[in-house]
Amino acid sequence: MTADALVRLAARWRQTLVEHQGVKGRCPRCRTAARCWEWAEAFGQLTVHDLLLPE
């Protein structure tokens, strides 16, 4: 994977975290209680690739 591709993926994962950030204990996009799978997957990918630091 090229560095450019990783930067684009990280931006998409960060956007997913923002879009699926819980409001009053629910995901506003998925309408599930607590954290949804979309948020968890994006968080996991950022963690695995050591990209969780703020930009």
C-alpha atoms as a PDB file:
ATOM      1  CA  MET A   1       0.000   0.000   0.000  1.00  0.00           C
ATOM      2  CA  THR A   2       1.402   3.381  -0.948  1.00  0.00           C
ATOM      3  CA  ALA A   3       1.660   6.249   1.485  1.00  0.00           C
ATOM      4  CA  ASP A   4      -0.862   8.245  -0.549  1.00  0.00           C
ATOM      5  CA  ALA A   5      -3.412   5.434  -0.392  1.00  0.00           C
ATOM      6  CA  LEU A   6      -2.931   5.125   3.366  1.00  0.00           C
ATOM      7  CA  VAL A   7      -3.511   8.860   3.805  1.00  0.00           C
ATOM      8  CA  ARG A   8      -6.774   8.620   1.825  1.00  0.00           C
ATOM      9  CA  LEU A   9      -7.908   5.596   3.850  1.00  0.00           C
ATOM     10  CA  ALA A  10      -7.076   7.327   7.129  1.00  0.00           C
ATOM     11  CA  ALA A  11      -9.127  10.351   6.072  1.00  0.00           C
ATOM     12  CA  ARG A  12     -12.070   8.094   5.248  1.00  0.00           C
ATOM     13  CA  TRP A  13     -11.759   6.264   8.587  1.00  0.00           C
ATOM     14  CA  ARG A  14     -11.644   9.580  10.461  1.00  0.00           C
ATOM     15  CA  GLN A  15     -14.745  10.754   8.585  1.00  0.00           C
ATOM     16  CA  THR A  16     -16.508   7.528   9.566  1.00  0.00           C
ATOM     17  CA  LEU A  17     -15.659   8.180  13.230  1.00  0.00           C
ATOM     18  CA  VAL A  18     -17.205  11.638  12.965  1.00  0.00           C
ATOM     19  CA  GLU A  19     -20.325  10.460  11.123  1.00  0.00           C
ATOM     20  CA  HIS A  20     -20.971   7.593  13.551  1.00  0.00           C
ATOM     21  CA  GLN A  21     -20.106   9.450  16.778  1.00  0.00           C
ATOM     22  CA  GLY A  22     -22.744   8.549  19.347  1.00  0.00           C
ATOM     23  CA  VAL A  23     -25.387  11.068  20.371  1.00  0.00           C
ATOM     24  CA  LYS A  24     -27.302  10.349  23.570  1.00  0.00           C
ATOM     25  CA  GLY A  25     -26.043   6.759  23.526  1.00  0.00           C
ATOM     26  CA  ARG A  26     -27.013   5.983  19.909  1.00  0.00           C
ATOM     27  CA  CYS A  27     -25.333   6.102  16.529  1.00  0.00           C
ATOM     28  CA  PRO A  28     -27.071   8.821  14.469  1.00  0.00           C
ATOM     29  CA  ARG A  29     -26.467   6.981  11.167  1.00  0.00           C
ATOM     30  CA  CYS A  30     -27.100   3.349  12.145  1.00  0.00           C
ATOM     31  CA  ARG A  31     -29.520   4.054  15.017  1.00  0.00           C
ATOM     32  CA  THR A  32     -27.936   1.325  17.121  1.00  0.00           C
ATOM     33  CA  ALA A  33     -27.373   1.628  20.843  1.00  0.00           C
ATOM     34  CA  ALA A  34     -23.839   2.509  21.930  1.00  0.00           C
ATOM     35  CA  ARG A  35     -21.073   2.080  19.331  1.00  0.00           C
ATOM     36  CA  CYS A  36     -21.936   0.670  15.921  1.00  0.00           C
ATOM     37  CA  TRP A  37     -19.826  -1.695  13.812  1.00  0.00           C
ATOM     38  CA  GLU A  38     -18.908   1.061  11.334  1.00  0.00           C
ATOM     39  CA  TRP A  39     -17.412   3.179  14.117  1.00  0.00           C
ATOM     40  CA  ALA A  40     -15.647   0.170  15.658  1.00  0.00           C
ATOM     41  CA  GLU A  41     -14.115  -0.879  12.341  1.00  0.00           C
ATOM     42  CA  ALA A  42     -12.815   2.622  11.583  1.00  0.00           C
ATOM     43  CA  PHE A  43     -11.403   2.945  15.109  1.00  0.00           C
ATOM     44  CA  GLY A  44      -9.756  -0.455  14.815  1.00  0.00           C
ATOM     45  CA  GLN A  45      -8.160   0.332  11.460  1.00  0.00           C
ATOM     46  CA  LEU A  46      -6.764   3.630  12.752  1.00  0.00           C
ATOM     47  CA  THR A  47      -5.409   1.833  15.827  1.00  0.00           C
ATOM     48  CA  VAL A  48      -3.830  -1.033  13.884  1.00  0.00           C
ATOM     49  CA  HIS A  49      -2.101   1.341  11.478  1.00  0.00           C
ATOM     50  CA  ASP A  50      -1.006   3.603  14.379  1.00  0.00           C
ATOM     51  CA  LEU A  51      -2.884   6.559  12.881  1.00  0.00           C
ATOM     52  CA  LEU A  52      -5.127   7.415  15.826  1.00  0.00           C
ATOM     53  CA  LEU A  53      -3.182  10.542  16.733  1.00  0.00           C
ATOM     54  CA  PRO A  54      -4.938  13.851  16.032  1.00  0.00           C
ATOM     55  CA  GLU A  55      -4.062  15.566  12.796  1.00  0.00           C
END
